[in-house]
């Protein structure tokens, strides 16, 4: 009986042994077939001169009745538009993209203290508009932008949101930045391959991101809130160069 059990045990071990040492061939082939890659990036920056300026302005009026607030706002807008037109700046375009009417209420804590809802004490009307200037000379563009702001402030404008300098058609400049960034990425890939002692087989993926950068938008906001103090002071703006930055990512297989 004991001898029969020993034979059965030996037979089982012999049967299982090949299974225990079997190599998973599928996984090994997957590792061997995986392509080796270099993943790198490139960057380039192109500086351009602006030929456009967009100035964001607004007029806000506050009165007890909505009709009075609207009428006063309309009169101020007409006055400032006429004053800007008298500057005779060639190619100037004025647009009014937004108009807003809102309630003005007393402080909420006052009403809450007395156990009631806040009272309406007036109406606020705000109309925003933009002024677009065109000139290929950055110095003239800067000068005209300052003239627009000064004239607007003297004729009823009490909101200056931003001044944005840009180039109207920058497609070629963006493509130039992309080309330089791709060349930079390829140079980086070749340098890595040379140091690693490998050869680049082909390029499998190139992706790009282009960014538009300009200096912070700065205007003399002090004139908006204290025009009396700003008498005789002209607004000085500088239409500086704008940077177009392109970044690309490059994947290439090696051998």
C-alpha atoms as a PDB file:
ATOM      1  CA  UNK A   1       0.000   0.000   0.000  1.00  0.00           C
ATOM      2  CA  UNK A   2       2.774   2.443   0.976  1.00  0.00           C
ATOM      3  CA  UNK A   3       4.724   1.613  -2.205  1.00  0.00           C
ATOM      4  CA  UNK A   4       1.657   2.426  -4.342  1.00  0.00           C
ATOM      5  CA  UNK A   5       1.274   5.874  -2.710  1.00  0.00           C
ATOM      6  CA  UNK A   6       4.992   6.686  -3.344  1.00  0.00           C
ATOM      7  CA  UNK A   7       4.584   5.812  -7.006  1.00  0.00           C
ATOM      8  CA  UNK A   8       1.521   8.035  -7.253  1.00  0.00           C
ATOM      9  CA  UNK A   9       3.419  10.941  -5.647  1.00  0.00           C
ATOM     10  CA  UNK A  10       6.378  10.605  -8.007  1.00  0.00           C
ATOM     11  CA  UNK A  11       4.028  10.546 -10.968  1.00  0.00           C
ATOM     12  CA  UNK A  12       2.249  13.737  -9.806  1.00  0.00           C
ATOM     13  CA  UNK A  13       5.534  15.656  -9.352  1.00  0.00           C
ATOM     14  CA  UNK A  14       6.728  14.622 -12.763  1.00  0.00           C
ATOM     15  CA  UNK A  15       3.441  15.778 -14.270  1.00  0.00           C
ATOM     16  CA  UNK A  16       3.453  19.209 -12.562  1.00  0.00           C
ATOM     17  CA  UNK A  17       7.130  19.957 -13.097  1.00  0.00           C
ATOM     18  CA  UNK A  18       6.813  21.143 -16.715  1.00  0.00           C
ATOM     19  CA  UNK A  19       3.939  23.455 -15.734  1.00  0.00           C
ATOM     20  CA  UNK A  20       5.913  25.036 -12.907  1.00  0.00           C
ATOM     21  CA  UNK A  21       8.822  26.015 -15.168  1.00  0.00           C
ATOM     22  CA  UNK A  22       6.848  27.007 -18.274  1.00  0.00           C
ATOM     23  CA  UNK A  23       7.917  30.522 -19.549  1.00  0.00           C
ATOM     24  CA  UNK A  24       5.061  32.905 -20.511  1.00  0.00           C
ATOM     25  CA  UNK A  25       6.157  33.424 -24.113  1.00  0.00           C
ATOM     26  CA  UNK A  26       3.453  36.016 -24.958  1.00  0.00           C
ATOM     27  CA  UNK A  27       4.678  38.510 -22.343  1.00  0.00           C
ATOM     28  CA  UNK A  28       8.304  38.057 -23.363  1.00  0.00           C
ATOM     29  CA  UNK A  29       7.486  38.823 -27.001  1.00  0.00           C
ATOM     30  CA  UNK A  30       5.579  41.980 -26.012  1.00  0.00           C
ATOM     31  CA  UNK A  31       8.630  43.342 -24.177  1.00  0.00           C
ATOM     32  CA  UNK A  32      10.961  42.547 -27.066  1.00  0.00           C
ATOM     33  CA  UNK A  33       8.667  44.170 -29.638  1.00  0.00           C
ATOM     34  CA  UNK A  34       8.261  47.464 -27.780  1.00  0.00           C
ATOM     35  CA  UNK A  35       9.940  50.312 -29.695  1.00  0.00           C
ATOM     36  CA  UNK A  36      12.519  52.441 -27.972  1.00  0.00           C
ATOM     37  CA  UNK A  37      11.777  56.164 -28.063  1.00  0.00           C
ATOM     38  CA  UNK A  38      13.227  59.571 -27.325  1.00  0.00           C
ATOM     39  CA  UNK A  39      10.699  62.113 -26.095  1.00  0.00           C
ATOM     40  CA  UNK A  40      11.900  65.699 -26.034  1.00  0.00           C
ATOM     41  CA  UNK A  41      10.676  69.245 -26.639  1.00  0.00           C
ATOM     42  CA  UNK A  42      11.649  72.496 -28.323  1.00  0.00           C
ATOM     43  CA  UNK A  43      10.826  76.167 -27.847  1.00  0.00           C
ATOM     44  CA  UNK A  44      11.147  79.350 -29.897  1.00  0.00           C
ATOM     45  CA  UNK A  45      10.139  82.965 -29.388  1.00  0.00           C
ATOM     46  CA  UNK A  46       9.467  85.547 -32.120  1.00  0.00           C
ATOM     47  CA  UNK A  47       9.144  89.268 -31.312  1.00  0.00           C
ATOM     48  CA  UNK A  48       6.801  91.410 -33.408  1.00  0.00           C
ATOM     49  CA  UNK A  49       5.670  95.042 -33.514  1.00  0.00           C
ATOM     50  CA  UNK A  50       1.954  95.747 -32.886  1.00  0.00           C
ATOM     51  CA  UNK A  51      -0.096  97.596 -35.493  1.00  0.00           C
ATOM     52  CA  UNK A  52      -3.373  97.756 -33.583  1.00  0.00           C
ATOM     53  CA  UNK A  53      -4.567  99.092 -30.217  1.00  0.00           C
ATOM     54  CA  UNK A  54      -7.916  98.327 -28.621  1.00  0.00           C
ATOM     55  CA  UNK A  55      -8.887 100.579 -25.703  1.00  0.00           C
ATOM     56  CA  UNK A  56     -11.667  99.418 -23.356  1.00  0.00           C
ATOM     57  CA  UNK A  57     -13.608 102.342 -21.869  1.00  0.00           C
ATOM     58  CA  UNK A  58     -16.904 102.901 -20.082  1.00  0.00           C
ATOM     59  CA  UNK A  59     -19.343 105.445 -18.686  1.00  0.00           C
ATOM     60  CA  UNK A  60     -21.224 104.758 -15.460  1.00  0.00           C
ATOM     61  CA  UNK A  61     -24.015 106.967 -14.084  1.00  0.00           C
ATOM     62  CA  UNK A  62     -25.838 106.701 -10.756  1.00  0.00           C
ATOM     63  CA  UNK A  63     -29.172 108.439 -10.123  1.00  0.00           C
ATOM     64  CA  UNK A  64     -32.340 107.996  -8.059  1.00  0.00           C
ATOM     65  CA  UNK A  65     -34.529 107.139 -11.065  1.00  0.00           C
ATOM     66  CA  UNK A  66     -33.734 104.822 -13.939  1.00  0.00           C
ATOM     67  CA  UNK A  67     -34.829 107.377 -16.552  1.00  0.00           C
ATOM     68  CA  UNK A  68     -32.496 110.032 -15.196  1.00  0.00           C
ATOM     69  CA  UNK A  69     -29.590 107.599 -15.049  1.00  0.00           C
ATOM     70  CA  UNK A  70     -30.200 106.444 -18.635  1.00  0.00           C
ATOM     71  CA  UNK A  71     -30.548 109.968 -20.026  1.00  0.00           C
ATOM     72  CA  UNK A  72     -27.378 111.174 -18.333  1.00  0.00           C
ATOM     73  CA  UNK A  73     -25.459 108.136 -19.530  1.00  0.00           C
ATOM     74  CA  UNK A  74     -26.635 108.623 -23.116  1.00  0.00           C
ATOM     75  CA  UNK A  75     -25.614 112.304 -23.084  1.00  0.00           C
ATOM     76  CA  UNK A  76     -22.148 111.481 -21.770  1.00  0.00           C
ATOM     77  CA  UNK A  77     -21.634 108.744 -24.350  1.00  0.00           C
ATOM     78  CA  UNK A  78     -22.617 111.118 -27.168  1.00  0.00           C
ATOM     79  CA  UNK A  79     -20.299 113.793 -25.831  1.00  0.00           C
ATOM     80  CA  UNK A  80     -17.275 111.513 -25.571  1.00  0.00           C
ATOM     81  CA  UNK A  81     -17.881 109.972 -29.018  1.00  0.00           C
ATOM     82  CA  UNK A  82     -18.040 113.414 -30.633  1.00  0.00           C
ATOM     83  CA  UNK A  83     -14.872 114.479 -28.828  1.00  0.00           C
ATOM     84  CA  UNK A  84     -13.045 111.350 -30.007  1.00  0.00           C
ATOM     85  CA  UNK A  85     -14.192 111.884 -33.594  1.00  0.00           C
ATOM     86  CA  UNK A  86     -12.788 115.421 -33.482  1.00  0.00           C
ATOM     87  CA  UNK A  87      -9.315 113.925 -32.940  1.00  0.00           C
ATOM     88  CA  UNK A  88      -9.417 112.955 -36.642  1.00  0.00           C
ATOM     89  CA  UNK A  89      -7.429 109.753 -36.123  1.00  0.00           C
ATOM     90  CA  UNK A  90      -7.438 107.843 -39.391  1.00  0.00           C
ATOM     91  CA  UNK A  91      -8.991 104.374 -39.243  1.00  0.00           C
ATOM     92  CA  UNK A  92     -10.405 104.758 -35.707  1.00  0.00           C
ATOM     93  CA  UNK A  93     -13.404 102.496 -35.005  1.00  0.00           C
ATOM     94  CA  UNK A  94     -15.723 102.938 -31.988  1.00  0.00           C
ATOM     95  CA  UNK A  95     -17.988 100.089 -30.867  1.00  0.00           C
ATOM     96  CA  UNK A  96     -20.358  99.762 -27.901  1.00  0.00           C
ATOM     97  CA  UNK A  97     -20.557  96.036 -27.041  1.00  0.00           C
ATOM     98  CA  UNK A  98     -22.429  96.176 -23.715  1.00  0.00           C
ATOM     99  CA  UNK A  99     -25.124  98.103 -21.844  1.00  0.00           C
ATOM    100  CA  UNK A 100     -26.167  97.335 -18.280  1.00  0.00           C
ATOM    101  CA  UNK A 101     -28.807  98.670 -15.871  1.00  0.00           C
ATOM    102  CA  UNK A 102     -28.756  97.568 -12.219  1.00  0.00           C
ATOM    103  CA  UNK A 103     -30.388  98.419  -8.899  1.00  0.00           C
ATOM    104  CA  UNK A 104     -28.585 100.231  -6.109  1.00  0.00           C
ATOM    105  CA  UNK A 105     -29.756  99.174  -2.656  1.00  0.00           C
ATOM    106  CA  UNK A 106     -29.062 100.444   0.823  1.00  0.00           C
ATOM    107  CA  UNK A 107     -26.569  98.473   2.941  1.00  0.00           C
ATOM    108  CA  UNK A 108     -28.032  95.064   3.742  1.00  0.00           C
ATOM    109  CA  UNK A 109     -26.971  95.149   7.390  1.00  0.00           C
ATOM    110  CA  UNK A 110     -29.158  98.246   7.953  1.00  0.00           C
ATOM    111  CA  UNK A 111     -32.283  96.525   6.666  1.00  0.00           C
ATOM    112  CA  UNK A 112     -31.485  93.288   8.491  1.00  0.00           C
ATOM    113  CA  UNK A 113     -31.090  95.174  11.728  1.00  0.00           C
ATOM    114  CA  UNK A 114     -34.590  96.609  11.312  1.00  0.00           C
ATOM    115  CA  UNK A 115     -36.037  93.279  10.176  1.00  0.00           C
ATOM    116  CA  UNK A 116     -36.928  94.241   6.609  1.00  0.00           C
ATOM    117  CA  UNK A 117     -35.714  93.956   3.025  1.00  0.00           C
ATOM    118  CA  UNK A 118     -33.159  96.500   1.705  1.00  0.00           C
ATOM    119  CA  UNK A 119     -34.662  99.574   0.058  1.00  0.00           C
ATOM    120  CA  UNK A 120     -33.878 100.575  -3.509  1.00  0.00           C
ATOM    121  CA  UNK A 121     -32.105 103.923  -3.351  1.00  0.00           C
ATOM    122  CA  UNK A 122     -31.155 104.372  -6.995  1.00  0.00           C
ATOM    123  CA  UNK A 123     -30.195 102.963 -10.363  1.00  0.00           C
ATOM    124  CA  UNK A 124     -26.842 102.433 -12.017  1.00  0.00           C
ATOM    125  CA  UNK A 125     -26.421 102.513 -15.772  1.00  0.00           C
ATOM    126  CA  UNK A 126     -23.159 101.418 -17.352  1.00  0.00           C
ATOM    127  CA  UNK A 127     -22.220 101.412 -21.005  1.00  0.00           C
ATOM    128  CA  UNK A 128     -18.875  99.987 -22.113  1.00  0.00           C
ATOM    129  CA  UNK A 129     -17.316 100.686 -25.480  1.00  0.00           C
ATOM    130  CA  UNK A 130     -14.072 100.049 -27.326  1.00  0.00           C
ATOM    131  CA  UNK A 131     -11.876 102.221 -29.501  1.00  0.00           C
ATOM    132  CA  UNK A 132      -9.793 100.465 -32.160  1.00  0.00           C
ATOM    133  CA  UNK A 133      -6.734 102.257 -33.546  1.00  0.00           C
ATOM    134  CA  UNK A 134      -4.631 101.205 -36.530  1.00  0.00           C
ATOM    135  CA  UNK A 135      -1.085 102.250 -37.350  1.00  0.00           C
ATOM    136  CA  UNK A 136       2.027 100.343 -38.407  1.00  0.00           C
ATOM    137  CA  UNK A 137       4.259 102.807 -36.556  1.00  0.00           C
ATOM    138  CA  UNK A 138       4.325 101.790 -32.830  1.00  0.00           C
ATOM    139  CA  UNK A 139       5.243 105.344 -31.777  1.00  0.00           C
ATOM    140  CA  UNK A 140       2.220 106.874 -33.513  1.00  0.00           C
ATOM    141  CA  UNK A 141       0.033 104.053 -32.183  1.00  0.00           C
ATOM    142  CA  UNK A 142       1.217 104.808 -28.632  1.00  0.00           C
ATOM    143  CA  UNK A 143       0.684 108.545 -29.040  1.00  0.00           C
ATOM    144  CA  UNK A 144      -2.837 108.157 -30.458  1.00  0.00           C
ATOM    145  CA  UNK A 145      -3.794 105.731 -27.663  1.00  0.00           C
ATOM    146  CA  UNK A 146      -2.772 108.299 -25.069  1.00  0.00           C
ATOM    147  CA  UNK A 147      -4.756 111.016 -26.874  1.00  0.00           C
ATOM    148  CA  UNK A 148      -7.861 108.816 -26.883  1.00  0.00           C
ATOM    149  CA  UNK A 149      -7.634 108.140 -23.156  1.00  0.00           C
ATOM    150  CA  UNK A 150      -7.033 111.787 -22.240  1.00  0.00           C
ATOM    151  CA  UNK A 151      -9.906 112.991 -24.425  1.00  0.00           C
ATOM    152  CA  UNK A 152     -12.252 110.313 -23.100  1.00  0.00           C
ATOM    153  CA  UNK A 153     -11.510 111.180 -19.464  1.00  0.00           C
ATOM    154  CA  UNK A 154     -12.096 114.886 -20.063  1.00  0.00           C
ATOM    155  CA  UNK A 155     -15.484 114.244 -21.680  1.00  0.00           C
ATOM    156  CA  UNK A 156     -17.272 111.893 -19.295  1.00  0.00           C
ATOM    157  CA  UNK A 157     -15.530 108.512 -19.311  1.00  0.00           C
ATOM    158  CA  UNK A 158     -15.004 107.237 -15.755  1.00  0.00           C
ATOM    159  CA  UNK A 159     -13.985 103.624 -16.450  1.00  0.00           C
ATOM    160  CA  UNK A 160     -10.793 102.448 -18.143  1.00  0.00           C
ATOM    161  CA  UNK A 161     -10.572  98.661 -18.230  1.00  0.00           C
ATOM    162  CA  UNK A 162      -7.524  97.951 -20.394  1.00  0.00           C
ATOM    163  CA  UNK A 163      -5.400  98.881 -23.376  1.00  0.00           C
ATOM    164  CA  UNK A 164      -4.494  95.963 -25.624  1.00  0.00           C
ATOM    165  CA  UNK A 165      -1.790  96.275 -28.300  1.00  0.00           C
ATOM    166  CA  UNK A 166      -1.693  93.514 -30.921  1.00  0.00           C
ATOM    167  CA  UNK A 167      -0.908  92.681 -34.546  1.00  0.00           C
ATOM    168  CA  UNK A 168      -3.889  92.138 -36.794  1.00  0.00           C
ATOM    169  CA  UNK A 169      -2.367  89.486 -39.071  1.00  0.00           C
ATOM    170  CA  UNK A 170       0.219  87.413 -37.220  1.00  0.00           C
ATOM    171  CA  UNK A 171      -0.283  84.057 -38.971  1.00  0.00           C
ATOM    172  CA  UNK A 172       3.119  84.106 -40.686  1.00  0.00           C
ATOM    173  CA  UNK A 173       4.827  85.083 -37.426  1.00  0.00           C
ATOM    174  CA  UNK A 174       3.164  82.177 -35.607  1.00  0.00           C
ATOM    175  CA  UNK A 175       4.251  79.744 -38.315  1.00  0.00           C
ATOM    176  CA  UNK A 176       7.802  81.098 -38.113  1.00  0.00           C
ATOM    177  CA  UNK A 177       7.800  80.479 -34.360  1.00  0.00           C
ATOM    178  CA  UNK A 178       6.535  76.917 -34.879  1.00  0.00           C
ATOM    179  CA  UNK A 179       9.259  76.173 -37.466  1.00  0.00           C
ATOM    180  CA  UNK A 180      11.979  77.401 -35.121  1.00  0.00           C
ATOM    181  CA  UNK A 181      10.524  75.387 -32.225  1.00  0.00           C
ATOM    182  CA  UNK A 182      10.459  72.180 -34.316  1.00  0.00           C
ATOM    183  CA  UNK A 183      14.078  72.749 -35.361  1.00  0.00           C
ATOM    184  CA  UNK A 184      14.983  73.221 -31.696  1.00  0.00           C
ATOM    185  CA  UNK A 185      13.224  69.951 -30.746  1.00  0.00           C
ATOM    186  CA  UNK A 186      14.985  68.009 -33.520  1.00  0.00           C
ATOM    187  CA  UNK A 187      18.359  69.397 -32.419  1.00  0.00           C
ATOM    188  CA  UNK A 188      17.617  68.329 -28.856  1.00  0.00           C
ATOM    189  CA  UNK A 189      16.635  64.820 -30.015  1.00  0.00           C
ATOM    190  CA  UNK A 190      19.835  64.453 -32.069  1.00  0.00           C
ATOM    191  CA  UNK A 191      21.946  65.592 -29.126  1.00  0.00           C
ATOM    192  CA  UNK A 192      20.309  63.021 -26.835  1.00  0.00           C
ATOM    193  CA  UNK A 193      20.770  60.272 -29.426  1.00  0.00           C
ATOM    194  CA  UNK A 194      24.431  61.164 -29.943  1.00  0.00           C
ATOM    195  CA  UNK A 195      25.202  61.098 -26.235  1.00  0.00           C
ATOM    196  CA  UNK A 196      23.267  57.835 -25.762  1.00  0.00           C
ATOM    197  CA  UNK A 197      25.012  56.187 -28.727  1.00  0.00           C
ATOM    198  CA  UNK A 198      21.840  55.449 -30.670  1.00  0.00           C
ATOM    199  CA  UNK A 199      20.423  56.450 -34.049  1.00  0.00           C
ATOM    200  CA  UNK A 200      17.089  58.162 -34.737  1.00  0.00           C
ATOM    201  CA  UNK A 201      14.901  55.966 -36.931  1.00  0.00           C
ATOM    202  CA  UNK A 202      11.944  58.284 -37.576  1.00  0.00           C
ATOM    203  CA  UNK A 203       9.694  60.893 -35.956  1.00  0.00           C
ATOM    204  CA  UNK A 204       6.331  59.573 -34.776  1.00  0.00           C
ATOM    205  CA  UNK A 205       4.657  62.543 -33.071  1.00  0.00           C
ATOM    206  CA  UNK A 206       5.024  66.341 -33.131  1.00  0.00           C
ATOM    207  CA  UNK A 207       2.560  68.486 -31.175  1.00  0.00           C
ATOM    208  CA  UNK A 208       2.671  72.262 -30.745  1.00  0.00           C
ATOM    209  CA  UNK A 209       1.246  75.019 -28.523  1.00  0.00           C
ATOM    210  CA  UNK A 210       1.553  78.696 -29.468  1.00  0.00           C
ATOM    211  CA  UNK A 211       1.205  81.481 -26.890  1.00  0.00           C
ATOM    212  CA  UNK A 212       0.720  85.198 -27.404  1.00  0.00           C
ATOM    213  CA  UNK A 213       2.356  87.391 -24.793  1.00  0.00           C
ATOM    214  CA  UNK A 214       2.518  91.130 -24.291  1.00  0.00           C
ATOM    215  CA  UNK A 215       3.495  93.398 -21.374  1.00  0.00           C
ATOM    216  CA  UNK A 216       0.883  93.901 -18.606  1.00  0.00           C
ATOM    217  CA  UNK A 217      -1.969  96.225 -19.522  1.00  0.00           C
ATOM    218  CA  UNK A 218      -1.247  99.454 -17.680  1.00  0.00           C
ATOM    219  CA  UNK A 219      -2.993 102.811 -17.836  1.00  0.00           C
ATOM    220  CA  UNK A 220      -3.140 105.764 -15.492  1.00  0.00           C
ATOM    221  CA  UNK A 221      -6.199 104.701 -13.530  1.00  0.00           C
ATOM    222  CA  UNK A 222      -5.576 107.565 -11.094  1.00  0.00           C
ATOM    223  CA  UNK A 223      -6.998 109.952 -13.679  1.00  0.00           C
ATOM    224  CA  UNK A 224     -10.282 108.051 -13.667  1.00  0.00           C
ATOM    225  CA  UNK A 225     -10.962 108.687 -10.014  1.00  0.00           C
ATOM    226  CA  UNK A 226      -9.205 112.029  -9.480  1.00  0.00           C
ATOM    227  CA  UNK A 227      -9.404 114.046 -12.718  1.00  0.00           C
ATOM    228  CA  UNK A 228      -8.753 117.289 -10.858  1.00  0.00           C
ATOM    229  CA  UNK A 229      -5.315 116.106  -9.822  1.00  0.00           C
ATOM    230  CA  UNK A 230      -4.493 115.040 -13.362  1.00  0.00           C
ATOM    231  CA  UNK A 231      -4.900 118.432 -15.060  1.00  0.00           C
ATOM    232  CA  UNK A 232      -2.095 118.947 -17.523  1.00  0.00           C
ATOM    233  CA  UNK A 233      -0.835 115.370 -17.188  1.00  0.00           C
ATOM    234  CA  UNK A 234      -0.969 113.372 -20.408  1.00  0.00           C
ATOM    235  CA  UNK A 235      -1.392 109.630 -20.473  1.00  0.00           C
ATOM    236  CA  UNK A 236       1.780 107.948 -21.755  1.00  0.00           C
ATOM    237  CA  UNK A 237       1.507 104.496 -23.298  1.00  0.00           C
ATOM    238  CA  UNK A 238       4.194 102.446 -25.017  1.00  0.00           C
ATOM    239  CA  UNK A 239       3.255  99.943 -27.708  1.00  0.00           C
ATOM    240  CA  UNK A 240       6.154  97.605 -27.006  1.00  0.00           C
ATOM    241  CA  UNK A 241       7.111  94.477 -28.889  1.00  0.00           C
ATOM    242  CA  UNK A 242       4.933  91.383 -28.497  1.00  0.00           C
ATOM    243  CA  UNK A 243       6.327  87.884 -28.061  1.00  0.00           C
ATOM    244  CA  UNK A 244       4.874  84.872 -29.864  1.00  0.00           C
ATOM    245  CA  UNK A 245       6.107  81.717 -28.122  1.00  0.00           C
ATOM    246  CA  UNK A 246       5.789  78.253 -29.656  1.00  0.00           C
ATOM    247  CA  UNK A 247       6.435  75.016 -27.744  1.00  0.00           C
ATOM    248  CA  UNK A 248       6.506  71.606 -29.428  1.00  0.00           C
ATOM    249  CA  UNK A 249       6.826  68.041 -28.143  1.00  0.00           C
ATOM    250  CA  UNK A 250       8.677  65.518 -30.268  1.00  0.00           C
ATOM    251  CA  UNK A 251       8.565  61.694 -30.161  1.00  0.00           C
ATOM    252  CA  UNK A 252      11.046  59.690 -32.237  1.00  0.00           C
ATOM    253  CA  UNK A 253      11.924  56.016 -32.451  1.00  0.00           C
ATOM    254  CA  UNK A 254      15.550  54.924 -32.186  1.00  0.00           C
ATOM    255  CA  UNK A 255      17.658  51.928 -33.138  1.00  0.00           C
END
